[in-house]
Amino acid sequence: MWQKIKTYTVAHLIGFLMILGGWTLSIVNVGLDRGIYGIMPNGIAQKTLFTPPTIAGLVIIVLGAYFPEIWISIKNRGAKS
C-alpha cells in the first residue's frame, strides 16, 4: 500500500514540477523578449511570441500533464488489482 502511495505521489510531483518549469520557461522568455521585434519579409516589424523557448515550454507543460498517468500505468502493467 505504501509503495502505491509513493508511486502516485512521486509521479504527480514530477509532473507538477515539469508543468511549473515549462510555464516558467515560457513566461520568463516572453518577459525577456519584450521589446524585441522580428522583421517580416515585407519590412513590417512584428512582435514574435512563438519562439523556440516558448514552444519548448509548451512541450514541457504537455509532457508534465501526461507524465504521471503514463508512469503509473507502466508501473502497474504487471500488477494484479
N, C-alpha and C. Protein backbone atom coordinates (compact mmCIF):
# COMPACT_ATOMS: atom_id res chain seq x y z
N MET A 1 0.82 -1.19 0.00
CA MET A 1 0.00 0.00 0.00
C MET A 1 0.86 1.26 0.00
N TRP A 2 1.91 1.25 0.87
CA TRP A 2 2.78 2.41 0.96
C TRP A 2 3.52 2.62 -0.37
N GLN A 3 3.90 1.55 -1.06
CA GLN A 3 4.59 1.67 -2.34
C GLN A 3 3.69 2.33 -3.38
N LYS A 4 2.42 1.99 -3.37
CA LYS A 4 1.47 2.58 -4.32
C LYS A 4 1.30 4.07 -4.06
N ILE A 5 1.23 4.46 -2.80
CA ILE A 5 1.12 5.88 -2.46
C ILE A 5 2.37 6.63 -2.89
N LYS A 6 3.55 6.04 -2.66
CA LYS A 6 4.80 6.67 -3.08
C LYS A 6 4.85 6.84 -4.59
N THR A 7 4.42 5.81 -5.33
CA THR A 7 4.45 5.87 -6.78
C THR A 7 3.57 7.00 -7.30
N TYR A 8 2.36 7.09 -6.78
CA TYR A 8 1.44 8.14 -7.22
C TYR A 8 1.94 9.52 -6.83
N THR A 9 2.46 9.65 -5.62
CA THR A 9 2.92 10.96 -5.14
C THR A 9 4.13 11.43 -5.93
N VAL A 10 5.10 10.57 -6.13
CA VAL A 10 6.30 10.96 -6.86
C VAL A 10 5.97 11.28 -8.31
N ALA A 11 5.12 10.48 -8.94
CA ALA A 11 4.76 10.72 -10.33
C ALA A 11 4.07 12.07 -10.49
N HIS A 12 3.13 12.36 -9.63
CA HIS A 12 2.41 13.63 -9.74
C HIS A 12 3.29 14.82 -9.35
N LEU A 13 4.21 14.63 -8.43
CA LEU A 13 5.13 15.70 -8.07
C LEU A 13 6.06 16.03 -9.24
N ILE A 14 6.59 15.01 -9.90
CA ILE A 14 7.44 15.25 -11.07
C ILE A 14 6.65 15.92 -12.18
N GLY A 15 5.42 15.47 -12.42
CA GLY A 15 4.58 16.10 -13.43
C GLY A 15 4.29 17.55 -13.11
N PHE A 16 4.01 17.85 -11.84
CA PHE A 16 3.75 19.23 -11.43
C PHE A 16 4.99 20.10 -11.62
N LEU A 17 6.16 19.55 -11.28
CA LEU A 17 7.40 20.32 -11.46
C LEU A 17 7.69 20.56 -12.94
N MET A 18 7.35 19.60 -13.80
CA MET A 18 7.53 19.80 -15.23
C MET A 18 6.60 20.89 -15.75
N ILE A 19 5.35 20.88 -15.29
CA ILE A 19 4.40 21.92 -15.69
C ILE A 19 4.88 23.29 -15.21
N LEU A 20 5.32 23.35 -13.97
CA LEU A 20 5.81 24.61 -13.41
C LEU A 20 7.06 25.09 -14.15
N GLY A 21 7.97 24.18 -14.47
CA GLY A 21 9.18 24.55 -15.21
C GLY A 21 8.88 25.03 -16.62
N GLY A 22 7.98 24.37 -17.31
CA GLY A 22 7.59 24.80 -18.65
C GLY A 22 6.90 26.15 -18.64
N TRP A 23 6.05 26.36 -17.66
CA TRP A 23 5.36 27.64 -17.52
C TRP A 23 6.37 28.75 -17.24
N THR A 24 7.31 28.48 -16.34
CA THR A 24 8.32 29.47 -16.00
C THR A 24 9.19 29.78 -17.21
N LEU A 25 9.60 28.77 -17.96
CA LEU A 25 10.40 28.98 -19.16
C LEU A 25 9.66 29.87 -20.16
N SER A 26 8.39 29.60 -20.38
CA SER A 26 7.62 30.39 -21.33
C SER A 26 7.43 31.82 -20.85
N ILE A 27 7.05 31.99 -19.60
CA ILE A 27 6.80 33.33 -19.07
C ILE A 27 8.07 34.16 -19.03
N VAL A 28 9.16 33.57 -18.57
CA VAL A 28 10.43 34.30 -18.49
C VAL A 28 10.90 34.67 -19.89
N ASN A 29 10.75 33.76 -20.85
CA ASN A 29 11.19 34.05 -22.21
C ASN A 29 10.38 35.19 -22.82
N VAL A 30 9.08 35.18 -22.64
CA VAL A 30 8.25 36.25 -23.19
C VAL A 30 8.61 37.56 -22.50
N GLY A 31 8.86 37.52 -21.20
CA GLY A 31 9.23 38.74 -20.48
C GLY A 31 10.57 39.28 -20.92
N LEU A 32 11.54 38.41 -21.20
CA LEU A 32 12.85 38.87 -21.64
C LEU A 32 12.84 39.36 -23.08
N ASP A 33 11.95 38.82 -23.89
CA ASP A 33 11.87 39.23 -25.29
C ASP A 33 11.03 40.48 -25.49
N ARG A 34 10.57 41.05 -24.43
CA ARG A 34 9.74 42.24 -24.54
C ARG A 34 10.56 43.35 -25.18
N GLY A 35 10.08 43.88 -26.26
CA GLY A 35 10.79 44.93 -26.96
C GLY A 35 11.64 44.44 -28.12
N ILE A 36 11.76 43.13 -28.30
CA ILE A 36 12.50 42.59 -29.43
C ILE A 36 11.48 42.27 -30.53
N TYR A 37 11.72 42.81 -31.69
CA TYR A 37 10.78 42.64 -32.79
C TYR A 37 11.44 41.89 -33.92
N GLY A 38 10.66 41.05 -34.58
CA GLY A 38 11.14 40.36 -35.77
C GLY A 38 10.73 41.13 -37.00
N ILE A 39 11.54 41.14 -38.03
CA ILE A 39 11.25 41.86 -39.27
C ILE A 39 10.64 40.87 -40.26
N MET A 40 9.46 41.20 -40.73
CA MET A 40 8.76 40.36 -41.71
C MET A 40 9.36 40.62 -43.09
N PRO A 41 9.12 39.71 -44.06
CA PRO A 41 9.67 39.91 -45.41
C PRO A 41 9.21 41.22 -46.07
N ASN A 42 8.02 41.70 -45.70
CA ASN A 42 7.53 42.95 -46.29
C ASN A 42 8.06 44.18 -45.57
N GLY A 43 8.95 44.00 -44.60
CA GLY A 43 9.59 45.12 -43.93
C GLY A 43 8.86 45.61 -42.70
N ILE A 44 7.75 44.99 -42.32
CA ILE A 44 6.99 45.41 -41.16
C ILE A 44 7.52 44.68 -39.93
N ALA A 45 7.78 45.44 -38.87
CA ALA A 45 8.26 44.84 -37.63
C ALA A 45 7.08 44.26 -36.87
N GLN A 46 7.21 43.05 -36.40
CA GLN A 46 6.14 42.38 -35.68
C GLN A 46 6.71 41.69 -34.45
N LYS A 47 5.97 41.78 -33.36
CA LYS A 47 6.40 41.13 -32.12
C LYS A 47 6.25 39.62 -32.28
N THR A 48 7.29 38.89 -31.96
CA THR A 48 7.25 37.44 -32.09
C THR A 48 7.01 36.82 -30.72
N LEU A 49 5.97 36.02 -30.60
CA LEU A 49 5.67 35.33 -29.35
C LEU A 49 6.02 33.85 -29.44
N PHE A 50 5.98 33.29 -30.64
CA PHE A 50 6.26 31.87 -30.80
C PHE A 50 7.72 31.68 -31.16
N THR A 51 8.53 31.61 -30.13
CA THR A 51 9.97 31.40 -30.29
C THR A 51 10.29 29.98 -29.82
N PRO A 52 11.47 29.47 -30.14
CA PRO A 52 11.81 28.11 -29.69
C PRO A 52 11.69 27.90 -28.18
N PRO A 53 12.11 28.84 -27.32
CA PRO A 53 11.93 28.59 -25.88
C PRO A 53 10.46 28.54 -25.45
N THR A 54 9.58 29.33 -26.06
CA THR A 54 8.17 29.26 -25.66
C THR A 54 7.54 27.96 -26.14
N ILE A 55 7.94 27.49 -27.31
CA ILE A 55 7.43 26.22 -27.81
C ILE A 55 7.97 25.07 -26.95
N ALA A 56 9.25 25.17 -26.54
CA ALA A 56 9.81 24.15 -25.64
C ALA A 56 9.07 24.15 -24.30
N GLY A 57 8.72 25.34 -23.80
CA GLY A 57 7.94 25.42 -22.57
C GLY A 57 6.59 24.76 -22.71
N LEU A 58 5.94 24.96 -23.85
CA LEU A 58 4.64 24.33 -24.10
C LEU A 58 4.77 22.81 -24.15
N VAL A 59 5.83 22.32 -24.78
CA VAL A 59 6.05 20.87 -24.85
C VAL A 59 6.28 20.30 -23.45
N ILE A 60 7.06 21.01 -22.63
CA ILE A 60 7.31 20.54 -21.27
C ILE A 60 6.01 20.53 -20.46
N ILE A 61 5.16 21.52 -20.66
CA ILE A 61 3.87 21.56 -19.96
C ILE A 61 3.01 20.36 -20.35
N VAL A 62 2.94 20.08 -21.64
CA VAL A 62 2.12 18.94 -22.10
C VAL A 62 2.70 17.62 -21.60
N LEU A 63 4.02 17.47 -21.64
CA LEU A 63 4.63 16.24 -21.12
C LEU A 63 4.38 16.11 -19.62
N GLY A 64 4.45 17.21 -18.89
CA GLY A 64 4.20 17.17 -17.46
C GLY A 64 2.76 16.81 -17.14
N ALA A 65 1.84 17.18 -18.03
CA ALA A 65 0.44 16.85 -17.79
C ALA A 65 0.17 15.35 -17.97
N TYR A 66 0.84 14.72 -18.93
CA TYR A 66 0.59 13.32 -19.22
C TYR A 66 1.56 12.37 -18.53
N PHE A 67 2.68 12.88 -18.04
CA PHE A 67 3.72 12.05 -17.44
C PHE A 67 3.23 11.18 -16.28
N PRO A 68 2.49 11.73 -15.30
CA PRO A 68 2.10 10.90 -14.16
C PRO A 68 1.28 9.67 -14.55
N GLU A 69 0.31 9.84 -15.40
CA GLU A 69 -0.55 8.71 -15.78
C GLU A 69 0.21 7.67 -16.60
N ILE A 70 1.12 8.13 -17.44
CA ILE A 70 1.93 7.18 -18.21
C ILE A 70 2.83 6.38 -17.28
N TRP A 71 3.49 7.07 -16.34
CA TRP A 71 4.39 6.40 -15.41
C TRP A 71 3.62 5.40 -14.55
N ILE A 72 2.46 5.81 -14.04
CA ILE A 72 1.67 4.92 -13.18
C ILE A 72 1.18 3.71 -13.97
N SER A 73 0.76 3.91 -15.21
CA SER A 73 0.28 2.77 -15.99
C SER A 73 1.42 1.81 -16.31
N ILE A 74 2.61 2.32 -16.55
CA ILE A 74 3.76 1.44 -16.79
C ILE A 74 4.11 0.66 -15.53
N LYS A 75 4.09 1.34 -14.37
CA LYS A 75 4.41 0.67 -13.11
C LYS A 75 3.37 -0.40 -12.76
N ASN A 76 2.11 -0.17 -13.12
CA ASN A 76 1.03 -1.10 -12.77
C ASN A 76 0.74 -2.11 -13.86
N ARG A 77 1.53 -2.15 -14.90
CA ARG A 77 1.25 -3.04 -16.04
C ARG A 77 1.26 -4.50 -15.63
N GLY A 78 2.20 -4.92 -14.84
CA GLY A 78 2.29 -6.32 -14.47
C GLY A 78 1.59 -6.65 -13.16
N ALA A 79 1.11 -5.64 -12.46
CA ALA A 79 0.48 -5.88 -11.15
C ALA A 79 -0.96 -6.31 -11.28
N LYS A 80 -1.40 -7.20 -10.41
CA LYS A 80 -2.80 -7.61 -10.38
C LYS A 80 -3.55 -6.67 -9.44
N SER A 81 -4.79 -6.37 -9.78
CA SER A 81 -5.56 -5.47 -8.93
C SER A 81 -6.41 -6.23 -7.93
